[in-house]
Amino acid sequence: MKMVWAIIRPERLKEVTDTLKDAGFPSLTEFSVRGRGKQKGIVIGGMKYEKLPKELLTLVCRDEDVEKILDIIVKTGRTGNIGDGKVFVLNVEDAITIRTGQRGIEAL
């Protein structure tokens, strides 16, 4: 199993989550976060903004679904401008559904 963390622009959130849902990946968690990337913030009208608002999506999936999920996130999250975000993929050792006790892939 894999965990995908996607840091995206807030204005791309609905399209990314709707596209994931339509593709069969409705389960995710989203957080409103602030941060900066390699550009170290932006300057607008002489004012420097070091930390910008972003959305963090997390989801756990089967190994074979990772590439499809990454493709959806990158294609629907991309504006082509600096600050579009990053995606990270992590290994997941186990998952447990609290209500049923199901484990592993069955818990997804």
C-alpha atoms as a PDB file:
ATOM      1  CA  MET A   1       0.000   0.000   0.000  1.00  0.00           C
ATOM      2  CA  LYS A   2       1.064   3.584  -0.577  1.00  0.00           C
ATOM      3  CA  MET A   3       0.158   6.936   0.955  1.00  0.00           C
ATOM      4  CA  VAL A   4       0.019   9.891  -1.405  1.00  0.00           C
ATOM      5  CA  TRP A   5       0.510  13.404  -0.002  1.00  0.00           C
ATOM      6  CA  ALA A   6      -0.363  16.142  -2.478  1.00  0.00           C
ATOM      7  CA  ILE A   7       0.231  19.813  -1.702  1.00  0.00           C
ATOM      8  CA  ILE A   8      -1.838  21.810  -4.172  1.00  0.00           C
ATOM      9  CA  ARG A   9      -3.235  25.290  -4.791  1.00  0.00           C
ATOM     10  CA  PRO A  10      -6.523  25.948  -2.943  1.00  0.00           C
ATOM     11  CA  GLU A  11      -8.244  26.954  -6.167  1.00  0.00           C
ATOM     12  CA  ARG A  12      -7.467  23.524  -7.697  1.00  0.00           C
ATOM     13  CA  LEU A  13      -8.854  21.534  -4.734  1.00  0.00           C
ATOM     14  CA  LYS A  14     -12.399  20.934  -5.996  1.00  0.00           C
ATOM     15  CA  GLU A  15     -11.323  19.833  -9.466  1.00  0.00           C
ATOM     16  CA  VAL A  16      -8.638  17.492  -8.107  1.00  0.00           C
ATOM     17  CA  THR A  17     -10.926  15.887  -5.508  1.00  0.00           C
ATOM     18  CA  ASP A  18     -13.862  15.615  -7.942  1.00  0.00           C
ATOM     19  CA  THR A  19     -11.647  13.995 -10.592  1.00  0.00           C
ATOM     20  CA  LEU A  20     -10.237  11.517  -8.060  1.00  0.00           C
ATOM     21  CA  LYS A  21     -13.775  10.651  -6.918  1.00  0.00           C
ATOM     22  CA  ASP A  22     -14.996  10.179 -10.500  1.00  0.00           C
ATOM     23  CA  ALA A  23     -12.017   7.885 -11.174  1.00  0.00           C
ATOM     24  CA  GLY A  24     -12.957   5.626  -8.253  1.00  0.00           C
ATOM     25  CA  PHE A  25     -10.826   7.157  -5.489  1.00  0.00           C
ATOM     26  CA  PRO A  26     -13.340   8.911  -3.202  1.00  0.00           C
ATOM     27  CA  SER A  27     -11.514   8.319   0.107  1.00  0.00           C
ATOM     28  CA  LEU A  28      -9.119  11.076   1.133  1.00  0.00           C
ATOM     29  CA  THR A  29      -8.359  13.572   3.857  1.00  0.00           C
ATOM     30  CA  GLU A  30      -7.721  17.240   3.215  1.00  0.00           C
ATOM     31  CA  PHE A  31      -6.013  19.864   5.350  1.00  0.00           C
ATOM     32  CA  SER A  32      -5.681  23.607   4.831  1.00  0.00           C
ATOM     33  CA  VAL A  33      -1.994  24.406   5.336  1.00  0.00           C
ATOM     34  CA  ARG A  34       0.523  27.200   4.761  1.00  0.00           C
ATOM     35  CA  GLY A  35       4.053  26.886   3.498  1.00  0.00           C
ATOM     36  CA  ARG A  36       6.708  27.811   0.990  1.00  0.00           C
ATOM     37  CA  GLY A  37       8.674  25.982  -1.637  1.00  0.00           C
ATOM     38  CA  LYS A  38      11.954  26.567  -3.438  1.00  0.00           C
ATOM     39  CA  GLN A  39      10.859  30.064  -4.447  1.00  0.00           C
ATOM     40  CA  LYS A  40      10.823  31.030  -0.721  1.00  0.00           C
ATOM     41  CA  GLY A  41       7.555  32.946  -1.042  1.00  0.00           C
ATOM     42  CA  ILE A  42       6.455  35.637  -3.467  1.00  0.00           C
ATOM     43  CA  VAL A  43       6.571  39.424  -3.749  1.00  0.00           C
ATOM     44  CA  ILE A  44       3.374  41.223  -4.747  1.00  0.00           C
ATOM     45  CA  GLY A  45       3.323  45.004  -4.921  1.00  0.00           C
ATOM     46  CA  GLY A  46       6.447  45.326  -2.801  1.00  0.00           C
ATOM     47  CA  MET A  47       5.034  43.053  -0.076  1.00  0.00           C
ATOM     48  CA  LYS A  48       6.765  39.718   0.556  1.00  0.00           C
ATOM     49  CA  TYR A  49       4.635  36.706   1.433  1.00  0.00           C
ATOM     50  CA  GLU A  50       6.832  33.908   2.764  1.00  0.00           C
ATOM     51  CA  LYS A  51       4.141  31.328   3.493  1.00  0.00           C
ATOM     52  CA  LEU A  52       1.281  30.791   1.107  1.00  0.00           C
ATOM     53  CA  PRO A  53      -2.018  28.970   1.633  1.00  0.00           C
ATOM     54  CA  LYS A  54      -2.131  25.459   0.173  1.00  0.00           C
ATOM     55  CA  GLU A  55      -4.254  22.331   0.504  1.00  0.00           C
ATOM     56  CA  LEU A  56      -2.761  19.014   1.590  1.00  0.00           C
ATOM     57  CA  LEU A  57      -4.545  15.902   0.347  1.00  0.00           C
ATOM     58  CA  THR A  58      -3.667  12.511   1.799  1.00  0.00           C
ATOM     59  CA  LEU A  59      -4.926   9.169   0.583  1.00  0.00           C
ATOM     60  CA  VAL A  60      -3.895   5.550   0.921  1.00  0.00           C
ATOM     61  CA  CYS A  61      -4.182   3.242  -2.069  1.00  0.00           C
ATOM     62  CA  ARG A  62      -3.119  -0.061  -3.562  1.00  0.00           C
ATOM     63  CA  ASP A  63       0.359  -0.039  -5.125  1.00  0.00           C
ATOM     64  CA  GLU A  64      -1.124  -0.600  -8.583  1.00  0.00           C
ATOM     65  CA  ASP A  65      -3.296   2.557  -8.310  1.00  0.00           C
ATOM     66  CA  VAL A  66      -0.469   4.982  -7.520  1.00  0.00           C
ATOM     67  CA  GLU A  67       0.382   5.993 -11.091  1.00  0.00           C
ATOM     68  CA  LYS A  68      -3.257   6.668 -12.005  1.00  0.00           C
ATOM     69  CA  ILE A  69      -3.726   8.778  -8.875  1.00  0.00           C
ATOM     70  CA  LEU A  70      -0.498  10.709  -9.499  1.00  0.00           C
ATOM     71  CA  ASP A  71      -1.538  11.354 -13.095  1.00  0.00           C
ATOM     72  CA  ILE A  72      -4.906  12.754 -11.966  1.00  0.00           C
ATOM     73  CA  ILE A  73      -3.381  14.993  -9.298  1.00  0.00           C
ATOM     74  CA  VAL A  74      -0.640  16.365 -11.551  1.00  0.00           C
ATOM     75  CA  LYS A  75      -2.898  16.962 -14.569  1.00  0.00           C
ATOM     76  CA  THR A  76      -5.783  18.554 -12.667  1.00  0.00           C
ATOM     77  CA  GLY A  77      -3.603  20.403 -10.147  1.00  0.00           C
ATOM     78  CA  ARG A  78      -1.238  21.999 -12.672  1.00  0.00           C
ATOM     79  CA  THR A  79      -1.621  25.646 -13.676  1.00  0.00           C
ATOM     80  CA  GLY A  80       1.866  25.924 -15.151  1.00  0.00           C
ATOM     81  CA  ASN A  81       2.857  28.627 -12.667  1.00  0.00           C
ATOM     82  CA  ILE A  82       5.340  28.617  -9.812  1.00  0.00           C
ATOM     83  CA  GLY A  83       3.697  27.281  -6.662  1.00  0.00           C
ATOM     84  CA  ASP A  84       1.591  24.510  -8.210  1.00  0.00           C
ATOM     85  CA  GLY A  85       2.738  22.180  -5.429  1.00  0.00           C
ATOM     86  CA  LYS A  86       4.381  18.826  -4.796  1.00  0.00           C
ATOM     87  CA  VAL A  87       3.324  15.200  -4.470  1.00  0.00           C
ATOM     88  CA  PHE A  88       4.998  12.645  -2.210  1.00  0.00           C
ATOM     89  CA  VAL A  89       4.509   8.872  -2.156  1.00  0.00           C
ATOM     90  CA  LEU A  90       5.207   6.895   1.036  1.00  0.00           C
ATOM     91  CA  ASN A  91       5.059   3.207   1.890  1.00  0.00           C
ATOM     92  CA  VAL A  92       2.276   2.094   4.246  1.00  0.00           C
ATOM     93  CA  GLU A  93       2.834  -1.015   6.329  1.00  0.00           C
ATOM     94  CA  ASP A  94      -0.743  -1.608   7.428  1.00  0.00           C
ATOM     95  CA  ALA A  95      -4.228  -0.129   7.607  1.00  0.00           C
ATOM     96  CA  ILE A  96      -7.058  -0.991   9.986  1.00  0.00           C
ATOM     97  CA  THR A  97     -10.730  -0.083   9.763  1.00  0.00           C
ATOM     98  CA  ILE A  98     -11.712   0.682  13.334  1.00  0.00           C
ATOM     99  CA  ARG A  99     -15.394  -0.265  12.969  1.00  0.00           C
ATOM    100  CA  THR A 100     -14.879  -3.675  11.311  1.00  0.00           C
ATOM    101  CA  GLY A 101     -11.333  -4.596  12.253  1.00  0.00           C
ATOM    102  CA  GLN A 102     -10.434  -5.212   8.589  1.00  0.00           C
ATOM    103  CA  ARG A 103      -6.725  -4.940   7.871  1.00  0.00           C
ATOM    104  CA  GLY A 104      -4.461  -4.279   4.930  1.00  0.00           C
ATOM    105  CA  ILE A 105      -5.928  -3.871   1.466  1.00  0.00           C
ATOM    106  CA  GLU A 106      -9.382  -4.889   2.734  1.00  0.00           C
ATOM    107  CA  ALA A 107      -9.357  -1.843   5.004  1.00  0.00           C
ATOM    108  CA  LEU A 108      -9.063   0.483   2.036  1.00  0.00           C
END
